[in-house]
């Protein structure tokens, strides 16, 4: 016959079963504890992933550049519109001033030409005045001689 181990007594069997129950309960508690730790680690990993994606979106150079560009544009739109208005006003004033300056130059040229003509006419009249005086004196002499011979 084969060697069989001696049979355990009821007390030994109960103690063995109690010990096995305690070992199973201890292992179950450890597994539950490790399961909770795994779930906590999984939640932490998920939060870390979410934070990493947010950080990636926030540190994306193109997205960040678009954000900065939009903010700068929002801040500078009013100022640039005012500059554009000022440029248009300056351009309009320049055109108006240039047109008025051209009109003034033409008026000045016309006035100078009129003055030149008047000076030329006055010079000619001065030359004629001598002849008019000479004619008036000679007419007076002729009349004086004629009237003195008549009377």
C-alpha atoms as a PDB file:
ATOM      1  CA  UNK A   1       0.000   0.000   0.000  1.00  0.00           C
ATOM      2  CA  UNK A   2       1.044   3.416  -0.714  1.00  0.00           C
ATOM      3  CA  UNK A   3       2.125   5.737   2.042  1.00  0.00           C
ATOM      4  CA  UNK A   4      -0.786   7.889   3.160  1.00  0.00           C
ATOM      5  CA  UNK A   5      -0.374  10.603   5.640  1.00  0.00           C
ATOM      6  CA  UNK A   6      -1.974  10.092   8.967  1.00  0.00           C
ATOM      7  CA  UNK A   7      -5.485  11.498   9.245  1.00  0.00           C
ATOM      8  CA  UNK A   8      -5.917  14.770  11.045  1.00  0.00           C
ATOM      9  CA  UNK A   9      -8.027  15.035  14.019  1.00  0.00           C
ATOM     10  CA  UNK A  10     -11.134  17.189  13.996  1.00  0.00           C
ATOM     11  CA  UNK A  11      -9.437  19.864  16.080  1.00  0.00           C
ATOM     12  CA  UNK A  12      -6.404  19.994  13.825  1.00  0.00           C
ATOM     13  CA  UNK A  13      -8.671  20.080  10.788  1.00  0.00           C
ATOM     14  CA  UNK A  14     -10.614  23.016  12.242  1.00  0.00           C
ATOM     15  CA  UNK A  15      -7.446  24.908  13.047  1.00  0.00           C
ATOM     16  CA  UNK A  16      -6.134  24.280   9.558  1.00  0.00           C
ATOM     17  CA  UNK A  17      -9.416  25.447   8.033  1.00  0.00           C
ATOM     18  CA  UNK A  18      -9.403  28.526  10.290  1.00  0.00           C
ATOM     19  CA  UNK A  19      -5.838  29.306   9.277  1.00  0.00           C
ATOM     20  CA  UNK A  20      -6.745  28.849   5.609  1.00  0.00           C
ATOM     21  CA  UNK A  21      -9.760  31.136   6.095  1.00  0.00           C
ATOM     22  CA  UNK A  22      -7.574  33.760   7.738  1.00  0.00           C
ATOM     23  CA  UNK A  23      -5.024  33.491   4.897  1.00  0.00           C
ATOM     24  CA  UNK A  24      -7.793  33.828   2.276  1.00  0.00           C
ATOM     25  CA  UNK A  25      -9.343  36.780   4.147  1.00  0.00           C
ATOM     26  CA  UNK A  26      -5.934  38.441   4.471  1.00  0.00           C
ATOM     27  CA  UNK A  27      -5.213  37.902   0.786  1.00  0.00           C
ATOM     28  CA  UNK A  28      -8.683  39.222  -0.111  1.00  0.00           C
ATOM     29  CA  UNK A  29      -8.080  42.345   2.009  1.00  0.00           C
ATOM     30  CA  UNK A  30      -4.698  42.834   0.377  1.00  0.00           C
ATOM     31  CA  UNK A  31      -6.225  42.380  -3.093  1.00  0.00           C
ATOM     32  CA  UNK A  32      -8.988  44.883  -2.231  1.00  0.00           C
ATOM     33  CA  UNK A  33      -6.379  47.336  -0.953  1.00  0.00           C
ATOM     34  CA  UNK A  34      -4.283  46.865  -4.079  1.00  0.00           C
ATOM     35  CA  UNK A  35      -7.441  47.275  -6.222  1.00  0.00           C
ATOM     36  CA  UNK A  36      -8.181  50.590  -4.485  1.00  0.00           C
ATOM     37  CA  UNK A  37      -4.594  51.692  -5.004  1.00  0.00           C
ATOM     38  CA  UNK A  38      -4.807  50.706  -8.688  1.00  0.00           C
ATOM     39  CA  UNK A  39      -8.061  52.694  -9.064  1.00  0.00           C
ATOM     40  CA  UNK A  40      -6.467  55.690  -7.328  1.00  0.00           C
ATOM     41  CA  UNK A  41      -3.436  55.412  -9.621  1.00  0.00           C
ATOM     42  CA  UNK A  42      -5.741  55.116 -12.664  1.00  0.00           C
ATOM     43  CA  UNK A  43      -7.620  58.282 -11.599  1.00  0.00           C
ATOM     44  CA  UNK A  44      -4.304  60.060 -11.037  1.00  0.00           C
ATOM     45  CA  UNK A  45      -3.078  58.939 -14.473  1.00  0.00           C
ATOM     46  CA  UNK A  46      -6.334  60.173 -16.068  1.00  0.00           C
ATOM     47  CA  UNK A  47      -6.018  63.532 -14.306  1.00  0.00           C
ATOM     48  CA  UNK A  48      -2.386  63.739 -15.374  1.00  0.00           C
ATOM     49  CA  UNK A  49      -3.347  62.976 -18.983  1.00  0.00           C
ATOM     50  CA  UNK A  50      -6.082  65.616 -18.919  1.00  0.00           C
ATOM     51  CA  UNK A  51      -3.688  68.163 -17.417  1.00  0.00           C
ATOM     52  CA  UNK A  52      -1.032  67.231 -19.980  1.00  0.00           C
ATOM     53  CA  UNK A  53      -3.518  67.736 -22.840  1.00  0.00           C
ATOM     54  CA  UNK A  54      -4.561  71.097 -21.427  1.00  0.00           C
ATOM     55  CA  UNK A  55      -0.944  72.085 -21.028  1.00  0.00           C
ATOM     56  CA  UNK A  56      -0.227  70.940 -24.570  1.00  0.00           C
ATOM     57  CA  UNK A  57      -3.111  73.055 -25.864  1.00  0.00           C
ATOM     58  CA  UNK A  58      -1.992  76.038 -23.830  1.00  0.00           C
ATOM     59  CA  UNK A  59       1.625  75.727 -24.868  1.00  0.00           C
ATOM     60  CA  UNK A  60       0.862  75.059 -28.531  1.00  0.00           C
ATOM     61  CA  UNK A  61       2.860  77.834 -30.256  1.00  0.00           C
ATOM     62  CA  UNK A  62       0.345  78.266 -33.085  1.00  0.00           C
ATOM     63  CA  UNK A  63      -2.630  78.418 -30.715  1.00  0.00           C
ATOM     64  CA  UNK A  64      -0.805  80.712 -28.347  1.00  0.00           C
ATOM     65  CA  UNK A  65       0.188  82.947 -31.268  1.00  0.00           C
ATOM     66  CA  UNK A  66      -3.446  83.092 -32.434  1.00  0.00           C
ATOM     67  CA  UNK A  67      -4.533  84.006 -28.900  1.00  0.00           C
ATOM     68  CA  UNK A  68      -1.883  86.716 -28.574  1.00  0.00           C
ATOM     69  CA  UNK A  69      -2.677  87.987 -32.068  1.00  0.00           C
ATOM     70  CA  UNK A  70      -6.375  88.239 -31.267  1.00  0.00           C
ATOM     71  CA  UNK A  71      -5.682  90.060 -28.000  1.00  0.00           C
ATOM     72  CA  UNK A  72      -3.240  92.487 -29.638  1.00  0.00           C
ATOM     73  CA  UNK A  73      -5.666  93.100 -32.481  1.00  0.00           C
ATOM     74  CA  UNK A  74      -8.474  93.746 -30.008  1.00  0.00           C
ATOM     75  CA  UNK A  75      -6.295  96.181 -28.080  1.00  0.00           C
ATOM     76  CA  UNK A  76      -4.916  98.003 -31.131  1.00  0.00           C
ATOM     77  CA  UNK A  77      -8.033  98.127 -33.339  1.00  0.00           C
ATOM     78  CA  UNK A  78      -9.303 101.371 -31.812  1.00  0.00           C
ATOM     79  CA  UNK A  79      -5.870 103.040 -31.959  1.00  0.00           C
ATOM     80  CA  UNK A  80      -5.263 101.944 -35.544  1.00  0.00           C
ATOM     81  CA  UNK A  81      -8.724 103.163 -36.570  1.00  0.00           C
ATOM     82  CA  UNK A  82      -7.911 106.545 -35.026  1.00  0.00           C
ATOM     83  CA  UNK A  83      -4.572 106.603 -36.880  1.00  0.00           C
ATOM     84  CA  UNK A  84      -6.342 105.740 -40.134  1.00  0.00           C
ATOM     85  CA  UNK A  85      -8.812 108.569 -39.533  1.00  0.00           C
ATOM     86  CA  UNK A  86      -5.972 110.957 -38.769  1.00  0.00           C
ATOM     87  CA  UNK A  87      -4.140 109.913 -41.938  1.00  0.00           C
ATOM     88  CA  UNK A  88      -7.282 110.504 -44.018  1.00  0.00           C
ATOM     89  CA  UNK A  89      -7.786 113.897 -42.395  1.00  0.00           C
ATOM     90  CA  UNK A  90      -4.161 114.857 -43.011  1.00  0.00           C
ATOM     91  CA  UNK A  91      -4.372 113.670 -46.623  1.00  0.00           C
ATOM     92  CA  UNK A  92      -7.598 115.653 -47.184  1.00  0.00           C
ATOM     93  CA  UNK A  93      -6.091 118.750 -45.573  1.00  0.00           C
ATOM     94  CA  UNK A  94      -2.948 118.343 -47.687  1.00  0.00           C
ATOM     95  CA  UNK A  95      -4.982 118.104 -50.886  1.00  0.00           C
ATOM     96  CA  UNK A  96      -7.072 121.119 -49.896  1.00  0.00           C
ATOM     97  CA  UNK A  97      -3.969 123.101 -48.967  1.00  0.00           C
ATOM     98  CA  UNK A  98      -2.236 122.146 -52.214  1.00  0.00           C
ATOM     99  CA  UNK A  99      -5.277 123.251 -54.228  1.00  0.00           C
ATOM    100  CA  UNK A 100      -5.505 126.558 -52.346  1.00  0.00           C
ATOM    101  CA  UNK A 101      -1.774 127.125 -52.715  1.00  0.00           C
ATOM    102  CA  UNK A 102      -2.072 126.569 -56.464  1.00  0.00           C
ATOM    103  CA  UNK A 103      -4.967 129.056 -56.571  1.00  0.00           C
ATOM    104  CA  UNK A 104      -2.915 131.583 -54.597  1.00  0.00           C
ATOM    105  CA  UNK A 105       0.063 131.120 -56.920  1.00  0.00           C
ATOM    106  CA  UNK A 106      -2.175 131.699 -59.929  1.00  0.00           C
ATOM    107  CA  UNK A 107      -3.729 134.775 -58.282  1.00  0.00           C
ATOM    108  CA  UNK A 108      -0.245 136.082 -57.427  1.00  0.00           C
ATOM    109  CA  UNK A 109       0.925 135.525 -61.012  1.00  0.00           C
ATOM    110  CA  UNK A 110      -2.185 137.300 -62.317  1.00  0.00           C
ATOM    111  CA  UNK A 111      -1.657 140.218 -59.904  1.00  0.00           C
ATOM    112  CA  UNK A 112       2.030 140.487 -60.844  1.00  0.00           C
ATOM    113  CA  UNK A 113       1.157 140.409 -64.554  1.00  0.00           C
ATOM    114  CA  UNK A 114      -1.466 143.118 -64.031  1.00  0.00           C
ATOM    115  CA  UNK A 115       1.073 145.242 -62.105  1.00  0.00           C
ATOM    116  CA  UNK A 116       3.640 144.771 -64.890  1.00  0.00           C
ATOM    117  CA  UNK A 117       1.077 145.891 -67.449  1.00  0.00           C
ATOM    118  CA  UNK A 118       0.123 148.912 -65.333  1.00  0.00           C
ATOM    119  CA  UNK A 119       3.820 149.812 -64.907  1.00  0.00           C
ATOM    120  CA  UNK A 120       4.372 149.509 -68.647  1.00  0.00           C
ATOM    121  CA  UNK A 121       1.278 151.629 -69.271  1.00  0.00           C
ATOM    122  CA  UNK A 122       2.407 154.213 -66.696  1.00  0.00           C
ATOM    123  CA  UNK A 123       5.857 154.325 -68.332  1.00  0.00           C
ATOM    124  CA  UNK A 124       4.281 154.902 -71.721  1.00  0.00           C
ATOM    125  CA  UNK A 125       2.007 157.600 -70.274  1.00  0.00           C
ATOM    126  CA  UNK A 126       5.030 159.377 -68.752  1.00  0.00           C
ATOM    127  CA  UNK A 127       6.671 159.431 -72.130  1.00  0.00           C
ATOM    128  CA  UNK A 128       3.464 160.805 -73.641  1.00  0.00           C
ATOM    129  CA  UNK A 129       3.006 163.443 -70.900  1.00  0.00           C
ATOM    130  CA  UNK A 130       6.047 165.330 -72.193  1.00  0.00           C
ATOM    131  CA  UNK A 131       4.575 165.417 -75.647  1.00  0.00           C
ATOM    132  CA  UNK A 132       1.153 166.438 -74.297  1.00  0.00           C
ATOM    133  CA  UNK A 133       2.763 169.303 -72.342  1.00  0.00           C
ATOM    134  CA  UNK A 134       4.817 170.250 -75.335  1.00  0.00           C
ATOM    135  CA  UNK A 135       1.665 170.211 -77.497  1.00  0.00           C
ATOM    136  CA  UNK A 136      -0.320 172.209 -74.936  1.00  0.00           C
ATOM    137  CA  UNK A 137       2.446 174.815 -74.635  1.00  0.00           C
ATOM    138  CA  UNK A 138       2.874 175.047 -78.384  1.00  0.00           C
ATOM    139  CA  UNK A 139      -0.894 175.312 -78.829  1.00  0.00           C
ATOM    140  CA  UNK A 140      -0.956 178.040 -76.187  1.00  0.00           C
ATOM    141  CA  UNK A 141       1.884 179.876 -77.957  1.00  0.00           C
ATOM    142  CA  UNK A 142       0.216 179.544 -81.336  1.00  0.00           C
ATOM    143  CA  UNK A 143      -3.062 180.827 -79.885  1.00  0.00           C
ATOM    144  CA  UNK A 144      -1.275 183.633 -78.080  1.00  0.00           C
ATOM    145  CA  UNK A 145       0.489 184.682 -81.301  1.00  0.00           C
ATOM    146  CA  UNK A 146      -2.669 184.280 -83.332  1.00  0.00           C
ATOM    147  CA  UNK A 147      -4.786 186.200 -80.856  1.00  0.00           C
ATOM    148  CA  UNK A 148      -2.169 188.907 -80.457  1.00  0.00           C
ATOM    149  CA  UNK A 149      -2.095 189.392 -84.219  1.00  0.00           C
ATOM    150  CA  UNK A 150      -5.827 189.571 -84.347  1.00  0.00           C
ATOM    151  CA  UNK A 151      -6.124 192.197 -81.691  1.00  0.00           C
END
